[in-house]
Amino acid sequence: VNDILDALGIEPQEIEGVFVNGKIAPLDTLLHDGDRIAALPPGTPGPYRLLLGLVSSPNNESDKKSDTFKCK
């Protein structure tokens, strides 16, 4: 995924999360023929961030990004 983002001129800090074939994925995910990727921009509304797995439950003390996706 990193190579595609680089080729498109997209910096990691410019996206909120990456999905491969509809599932949140780390930036170092290796892609295969036919894989579909999607990059979400920062500012995705709160409820969608939780539903998509970009943040942990609001009942959790900290509102961290999912462990499966690390931008930096």
PDB file of N, CA and C in Angstrom:
ATOM      1  N   VAL A   1       0.829  -1.187   0.000  1.00  0.00           N
ATOM      2  CA  VAL A   1       0.000   0.000   0.000  1.00  0.00           C
ATOM      3  C   VAL A   1       0.874   1.253   0.000  1.00  0.00           C
ATOM      4  N   ASN A   2       1.951   1.228   0.766  1.00  0.00           N
ATOM      5  CA  ASN A   2       2.851   2.387   0.820  1.00  0.00           C
ATOM      6  C   ASN A   2       3.331   2.807  -0.564  1.00  0.00           C
ATOM      7  N   ASP A   3       3.702   1.836  -1.390  1.00  0.00           N
ATOM      8  CA  ASP A   3       4.221   2.152  -2.722  1.00  0.00           C
ATOM      9  C   ASP A   3       3.171   2.844  -3.587  1.00  0.00           C
ATOM     10  N   ILE A   4       1.936   2.416  -3.487  1.00  0.00           N
ATOM     11  CA  ILE A   4       0.863   3.042  -4.278  1.00  0.00           C
ATOM     12  C   ILE A   4       0.622   4.465  -3.795  1.00  0.00           C
ATOM     13  N   LEU A   5       0.590   4.650  -2.483  1.00  0.00           N
ATOM     14  CA  LEU A   5       0.400   5.999  -1.946  1.00  0.00           C
ATOM     15  C   LEU A   5       1.537   6.914  -2.386  1.00  0.00           C
ATOM     16  N   ASP A   6       2.773   6.400  -2.338  1.00  0.00           N
ATOM     17  CA  ASP A   6       3.928   7.184  -2.795  1.00  0.00           C
ATOM     18  C   ASP A   6       3.784   7.559  -4.266  1.00  0.00           C
ATOM     19  N   ALA A   7       3.395   6.583  -5.092  1.00  0.00           N
ATOM     20  CA  ALA A   7       3.246   6.831  -6.533  1.00  0.00           C
ATOM     21  C   ALA A   7       2.181   7.883  -6.818  1.00  0.00           C
ATOM     22  N   LEU A   8       1.166   7.940  -5.960  1.00  0.00           N
ATOM     23  CA  LEU A   8       0.096   8.922  -6.124  1.00  0.00           C
ATOM     24  C   LEU A   8       0.419  10.258  -5.457  1.00  0.00           C
ATOM     25  N   GLY A   9       1.558  10.315  -4.770  1.00  0.00           N
ATOM     26  CA  GLY A   9       1.944  11.555  -4.094  1.00  0.00           C
ATOM     27  C   GLY A   9       1.155  11.821  -2.827  1.00  0.00           C
ATOM     28  N   ILE A  10       0.661  10.760  -2.187  1.00  0.00           N
ATOM     29  CA  ILE A  10      -0.131  10.897  -0.962  1.00  0.00           C
ATOM     30  C   ILE A  10       0.767  10.573   0.230  1.00  0.00           C
ATOM     31  N   GLU A  11       0.901  11.542   1.130  1.00  0.00           N
ATOM     32  CA  GLU A  11       1.688  11.352   2.351  1.00  0.00           C
ATOM     33  C   GLU A  11       0.836  10.618   3.390  1.00  0.00           C
ATOM     34  N   PRO A  12       1.440   9.774   4.234  1.00  0.00           N
ATOM     35  CA  PRO A  12       0.673   9.036   5.246  1.00  0.00           C
ATOM     36  C   PRO A  12      -0.170   9.931   6.156  1.00  0.00           C
ATOM     37  N   GLN A  13       0.323  11.124   6.484  1.00  0.00           N
ATOM     38  CA  GLN A  13      -0.438  12.016   7.369  1.00  0.00           C
ATOM     39  C   GLN A  13      -1.654  12.627   6.666  1.00  0.00           C
ATOM     40  N   GLU A  14      -1.777  12.436   5.359  1.00  0.00           N
ATOM     41  CA  GLU A  14      -2.907  12.971   4.609  1.00  0.00           C
ATOM     42  C   GLU A  14      -4.117  12.035   4.620  1.00  0.00           C
ATOM     43  N   ILE A  15      -3.980  10.870   5.229  1.00  0.00           N
ATOM     44  CA  ILE A  15      -5.095   9.922   5.253  1.00  0.00           C
ATOM     45  C   ILE A  15      -5.413   9.500   6.678  1.00  0.00           C
ATOM     46  N   GLU A  16      -6.657   9.133   6.892  1.00  0.00           N
ATOM     47  CA  GLU A  16      -7.120   8.687   8.210  1.00  0.00           C
ATOM     48  C   GLU A  16      -6.958   7.178   8.365  1.00  0.00           C
ATOM     49  N   GLY A  17      -7.141   6.455   7.284  1.00  0.00           N
ATOM     50  CA  GLY A  17      -7.042   5.001   7.328  1.00  0.00           C
ATOM     51  C   GLY A  17      -6.997   4.424   5.929  1.00  0.00           C
ATOM     52  N   VAL A  18      -6.551   3.184   5.853  1.00  0.00           N
ATOM     53  CA  VAL A  18      -6.472   2.481   4.577  1.00  0.00           C
ATOM     54  C   VAL A  18      -7.249   1.176   4.702  1.00  0.00           C
ATOM     55  N   PHE A  19      -8.005   0.881   3.665  1.00  0.00           N
ATOM     56  CA  PHE A  19      -8.742  -0.372   3.596  1.00  0.00           C
ATOM     57  C   PHE A  19      -8.269  -1.155   2.393  1.00  0.00           C
ATOM     58  N   VAL A  20      -8.084  -2.451   2.574  1.00  0.00           N
ATOM     59  CA  VAL A  20      -7.760  -3.359   1.475  1.00  0.00           C
ATOM     60  C   VAL A  20      -8.880  -4.385   1.427  1.00  0.00           C
ATOM     61  N   ASN A  21      -9.549  -4.436   0.294  1.00  0.00           N
ATOM     62  CA  ASN A  21     -10.680  -5.351   0.109  1.00  0.00           C
ATOM     63  C   ASN A  21     -11.734  -5.186   1.209  1.00  0.00           C
ATOM     64  N   GLY A  22     -11.975  -3.942   1.591  1.00  0.00           N
ATOM     65  CA  GLY A  22     -13.033  -3.637   2.546  1.00  0.00           C
ATOM     66  C   GLY A  22     -12.682  -3.786   4.009  1.00  0.00           C
ATOM     67  N   LYS A  23     -11.433  -4.110   4.328  1.00  0.00           N
ATOM     68  CA  LYS A  23     -11.015  -4.276   5.720  1.00  0.00           C
ATOM     69  C   LYS A  23      -9.861  -3.331   6.015  1.00  0.00           C
ATOM     70  N   ILE A  24      -9.884  -2.734   7.219  1.00  0.00           N
ATOM     71  CA  ILE A  24      -8.800  -1.825   7.597  1.00  0.00           C
ATOM     72  C   ILE A  24      -7.482  -2.598   7.575  1.00  0.00           C
ATOM     73  N   ALA A  25      -6.427  -1.936   7.102  1.00  0.00           N
ATOM     74  CA  ALA A  25      -5.146  -2.619   6.931  1.00  0.00           C
ATOM     75  C   ALA A  25      -4.000  -1.669   7.238  1.00  0.00           C
ATOM     76  N   PRO A  26      -2.866  -2.222   7.672  1.00  0.00           N
ATOM     77  CA  PRO A  26      -1.688  -1.391   7.893  1.00  0.00           C
ATOM     78  C   PRO A  26      -1.101  -0.933   6.557  1.00  0.00           C
ATOM     79  N   LEU A  27      -0.340   0.137   6.609  1.00  0.00           N
ATOM     80  CA  LEU A  27       0.252   0.686   5.387  1.00  0.00           C
ATOM     81  C   LEU A  27       1.256  -0.244   4.729  1.00  0.00           C
ATOM     82  N   ASP A  28       1.828  -1.178   5.477  1.00  0.00           N
ATOM     83  CA  ASP A  28       2.817  -2.080   4.884  1.00  0.00           C
ATOM     84  C   ASP A  28       2.194  -3.359   4.315  1.00  0.00           C
ATOM     85  N   THR A  29       0.872  -3.372   4.175  1.00  0.00           N
ATOM     86  CA  THR A  29       0.173  -4.529   3.614  1.00  0.00           C
ATOM     87  C   THR A  29       0.629  -4.781   2.175  1.00  0.00           C
ATOM     88  N   LEU A  30       0.966  -6.025   1.885  1.00  0.00           N
ATOM     89  CA  LEU A  30       1.326  -6.404   0.526  1.00  0.00           C
ATOM     90  C   LEU A  30       0.050  -6.628  -0.269  1.00  0.00           C
ATOM     91  N   LEU A  31       0.029  -6.100  -1.474  1.00  0.00           N
ATOM     92  CA  LEU A  31      -1.146  -6.224  -2.325  1.00  0.00           C
ATOM     93  C   LEU A  31      -0.965  -7.344  -3.340  1.00  0.00           C
ATOM     94  N   HIS A  32      -2.085  -7.900  -3.771  1.00  0.00           N
ATOM     95  CA  HIS A  32      -2.108  -8.955  -4.768  1.00  0.00           C
ATOM     96  C   HIS A  32      -2.977  -8.512  -5.929  1.00  0.00           C
ATOM     97  N   ASP A  33      -2.807  -9.152  -7.072  1.00  0.00           N
ATOM     98  CA  ASP A  33      -3.637  -8.823  -8.231  1.00  0.00           C
ATOM     99  C   ASP A  33      -5.107  -8.870  -7.852  1.00  0.00           C
ATOM    100  N   GLY A  34      -5.823  -7.838  -8.228  1.00  0.00           N
ATOM    101  CA  GLY A  34      -7.257  -7.772  -7.966  1.00  0.00           C
ATOM    102  C   GLY A  34      -7.638  -7.145  -6.645  1.00  0.00           C
ATOM    103  N   ASP A  35      -6.657  -6.858  -5.755  1.00  0.00           N
ATOM    104  CA  ASP A  35      -6.981  -6.204  -4.482  1.00  0.00           C
ATOM    105  C   ASP A  35      -7.514  -4.804  -4.747  1.00  0.00           C
ATOM    106  N   ARG A  36      -8.452  -4.391  -3.910  1.00  0.00           N
ATOM    107  CA  ARG A  36      -8.998  -3.039  -3.993  1.00  0.00           C
ATOM    108  C   ARG A  36      -8.560  -2.285  -2.749  1.00  0.00           C
ATOM    109  N   ILE A  37      -8.105  -1.048  -2.940  1.00  0.00           N
ATOM    110  CA  ILE A  37      -7.698  -0.245  -1.789  1.00  0.00           C
ATOM    111  C   ILE A  37      -8.523   1.033  -1.746  1.00  0.00           C
ATOM    112  N   ALA A  38      -8.690   1.532  -0.541  1.00  0.00           N
ATOM    113  CA  ALA A  38      -9.384   2.806  -0.326  1.00  0.00           C
ATOM    114  C   ALA A  38      -8.647   3.541   0.776  1.00  0.00           C
ATOM    115  N   ALA A  39      -8.463   4.836   0.588  1.00  0.00           N
ATOM    116  CA  ALA A  39      -7.828   5.683   1.593  1.00  0.00           C
ATOM    117  C   ALA A  39      -8.845   6.717   2.046  1.00  0.00           C
ATOM    118  N   LEU A  40      -9.075   6.791   3.349  1.00  0.00           N
ATOM    119  CA  LEU A  40     -10.019   7.757   3.894  1.00  0.00           C
ATOM    120  C   LEU A  40      -9.286   9.030   4.285  1.00  0.00           C
ATOM    121  N   PRO A  41      -9.855  10.177   3.937  1.00  0.00           N
ATOM    122  CA  PRO A  41      -9.214  11.440   4.311  1.00  0.00           C
ATOM    123  C   PRO A  41      -9.410  11.731   5.796  1.00  0.00           C
ATOM    124  N   PRO A  42      -8.541  12.567   6.382  1.00  0.00           N
ATOM    125  CA  PRO A  42      -8.748  12.977   7.773  1.00  0.00           C
ATOM    126  C   PRO A  42     -10.084  13.707   7.901  1.00  0.00           C
ATOM    127  N   GLY A  43     -10.656  13.620   9.066  1.00  0.00           N
ATOM    128  CA  GLY A  43     -11.908  14.324   9.302  1.00  0.00           C
ATOM    129  C   GLY A  43     -13.133  13.466   9.078  1.00  0.00           C
ATOM    130  N   THR A  44     -12.947  12.165   8.939  1.00  0.00           N
ATOM    131  CA  THR A  44     -14.088  11.268   8.815  1.00  0.00           C
ATOM    132  C   THR A  44     -14.951  11.465  10.058  1.00  0.00           C
ATOM    133  N   PRO A  45     -16.275  11.678   9.900  1.00  0.00           N
ATOM    134  CA  PRO A  45     -17.134  11.937  11.059  1.00  0.00           C
ATOM    135  C   PRO A  45     -17.041  10.844  12.125  1.00  0.00           C
ATOM    136  N   GLY A  46     -17.157  11.254  13.376  1.00  0.00           N
ATOM    137  CA  GLY A  46     -17.001  10.386  14.541  1.00  0.00           C
ATOM    138  C   GLY A  46     -17.656   9.030  14.477  1.00  0.00           C
ATOM    139  N   PRO A  47     -18.981   8.941  14.242  1.00  0.00           N
ATOM    140  CA  PRO A  47     -19.619   7.621  14.240  1.00  0.00           C
ATOM    141  C   PRO A  47     -19.038   6.690  13.176  1.00  0.00           C
ATOM    142  N   TYR A  48     -18.678   7.234  12.037  1.00  0.00           N
ATOM    143  CA  TYR A  48     -18.122   6.405  10.974  1.00  0.00           C
ATOM    144  C   TYR A  48     -16.734   5.904  11.345  1.00  0.00           C
ATOM    145  N   ARG A  49     -15.982   6.716  12.074  1.00  0.00           N
ATOM    146  CA  ARG A  49     -14.640   6.301  12.513  1.00  0.00           C
ATOM    147  C   ARG A  49     -14.740   5.069  13.399  1.00  0.00           C
ATOM    148  N   LEU A  50     -15.729   5.041  14.289  1.00  0.00           N
ATOM    149  CA  LEU A  50     -15.923   3.893  15.171  1.00  0.00           C
ATOM    150  C   LEU A  50     -16.395   2.680  14.371  1.00  0.00           C
ATOM    151  N   LEU A  51     -17.389   2.871  13.509  1.00  0.00           N
ATOM    152  CA  LEU A  51     -17.922   1.759  12.720  1.00  0.00           C
ATOM    153  C   LEU A  51     -16.880   1.155  11.783  1.00  0.00           C
ATOM    154  N   LEU A  52     -16.009   1.989  11.245  1.00  0.00           N
ATOM    155  CA  LEU A  52     -14.992   1.513  10.318  1.00  0.00           C
ATOM    156  C   LEU A  52     -13.777   0.925  11.031  1.00  0.00           C
ATOM    157  N   GLY A  53     -13.705   1.079  12.343  1.00  0.00           N
ATOM    158  CA  GLY A  53     -12.581   0.527  13.096  1.00  0.00           C
ATOM    159  C   GLY A  53     -11.375   1.433  13.172  1.00  0.00           C
ATOM    160  N   LEU A  54     -11.570   2.724  12.874  1.00  0.00           N
ATOM    161  CA  LEU A  54     -10.453   3.664  12.932  1.00  0.00           C
ATOM    162  C   LEU A  54     -10.139   4.096  14.355  1.00  0.00           C
ATOM    163  N   VAL A  55     -11.102   3.997  15.252  1.00  0.00           N
ATOM    164  CA  VAL A  55     -10.905   4.359  16.660  1.00  0.00           C
ATOM    165  C   VAL A  55     -11.500   3.270  17.533  1.00  0.00           C
ATOM    166  N   SER A  56     -11.093   3.268  18.798  1.00  0.00           N
ATOM    167  CA  SER A  56     -11.639   2.310  19.745  1.00  0.00           C
ATOM    168  C   SER A  56     -12.986   2.804  20.267  1.00  0.00           C
ATOM    169  N   SER A  57     -13.623   1.995  21.047  1.00  0.00           N
ATOM    170  CA  SER A  57     -14.933   2.321  21.605  1.00  0.00           C
ATOM    171  C   SER A  57     -14.888   3.617  22.398  1.00  0.00           C
ATOM    172  N   PRO A  58     -15.936   4.455  22.304  1.00  0.00           N
ATOM    173  CA  PRO A  58     -15.950   5.700  23.073  1.00  0.00           C
ATOM    174  C   PRO A  58     -15.985   5.451  24.576  1.00  0.00           C
ATOM    175  N   ASN A  59     -16.332   4.246  24.996  1.00  0.00           N
ATOM    176  CA  ASN A  59     -16.321   3.907  26.416  1.00  0.00           C
ATOM    177  C   ASN A  59     -14.904   3.716  26.933  1.00  0.00           C
ATOM    178  N   ASN A  60     -13.968   3.552  26.006  1.00  0.00           N
ATOM    179  CA  ASN A  60     -12.564   3.411  26.352  1.00  0.00           C
ATOM    180  C   ASN A  60     -12.046   4.788  26.769  1.00  0.00           C
ATOM    181  N   GLU A  61     -11.128   4.841  27.725  1.00  0.00           N
ATOM    182  CA  GLU A  61     -10.628   6.130  28.210  1.00  0.00           C
ATOM    183  C   GLU A  61      -9.918   6.920  27.131  1.00  0.00           C
ATOM    184  N   SER A  62      -9.216   6.240  26.243  1.00  0.00           N
ATOM    185  CA  SER A  62      -8.489   6.954  25.190  1.00  0.00           C
ATOM    186  C   SER A  62      -9.119   6.642  23.843  1.00  0.00           C
ATOM    187  N   ASP A  63      -9.159   7.640  22.982  1.00  0.00           N
ATOM    188  CA  ASP A  63      -9.733   7.487  21.647  1.00  0.00           C
ATOM    189  C   ASP A  63      -8.593   7.292  20.664  1.00  0.00           C
ATOM    190  N   LYS A  64      -8.017   6.067  20.691  1.00  0.00           N
ATOM    191  CA  LYS A  64      -6.848   5.791  19.875  1.00  0.00           C
ATOM    192  C   LYS A  64      -7.245   5.145  18.565  1.00  0.00           C
ATOM    193  N   LYS A  65      -6.355   5.261  17.588  1.00  0.00           N
ATOM    194  CA  LYS A  65      -6.552   4.541  16.331  1.00  0.00           C
ATOM    195  C   LYS A  65      -6.397   3.056  16.602  1.00  0.00           C
ATOM    196  N   SER A  66      -7.061   2.280  15.810  1.00  0.00           N
ATOM    197  CA  SER A  66      -6.964   0.834  15.909  1.00  0.00           C
ATOM    198  C   SER A  66      -5.509   0.392  15.804  1.00  0.00           C
ATOM    199  N   ASP A  67      -5.152  -0.663  16.534  1.00  0.00           N
ATOM    200  CA  ASP A  67      -3.796  -1.180  16.491  1.00  0.00           C
ATOM    201  C   ASP A  67      -3.426  -1.703  15.105  1.00  0.00           C
ATOM    202  N   THR A  68      -4.408  -2.008  14.277  1.00  0.00           N
ATOM    203  CA  THR A  68      -4.099  -2.555  12.962  1.00  0.00           C
ATOM    204  C   THR A  68      -3.668  -1.478  11.983  1.00  0.00           C
ATOM    205  N   PHE A  69      -3.890  -0.219  12.296  1.00  0.00           N
ATOM    206  CA  PHE A  69      -3.514   0.851  11.373  1.00  0.00           C
ATOM    207  C   PHE A  69      -2.671   1.867  12.101  1.00  0.00           C
ATOM    208  N   LYS A  70      -1.473   2.044  11.629  1.00  0.00           N
ATOM    209  CA  LYS A  70      -0.594   3.059  12.207  1.00  0.00           C
ATOM    210  C   LYS A  70      -0.044   3.895  11.076  1.00  0.00           C
ATOM    211  N   CYS A  71      -0.366   5.153  11.081  1.00  0.00           N
ATOM    212  CA  CYS A  71       0.042   6.056  10.013  1.00  0.00           C
ATOM    213  C   CYS A  71       1.536   6.335  10.042  1.00  0.00           C
ATOM    214  N   LYS A  72       2.104   6.441  11.206  1.00  0.00           N
ATOM    215  CA  LYS A  72       3.503   6.864  11.299  1.00  0.00           C
ATOM    216  C   LYS A  72       4.388   5.738  11.740  1.00  0.00           C
TER     217      LYS A  72
END
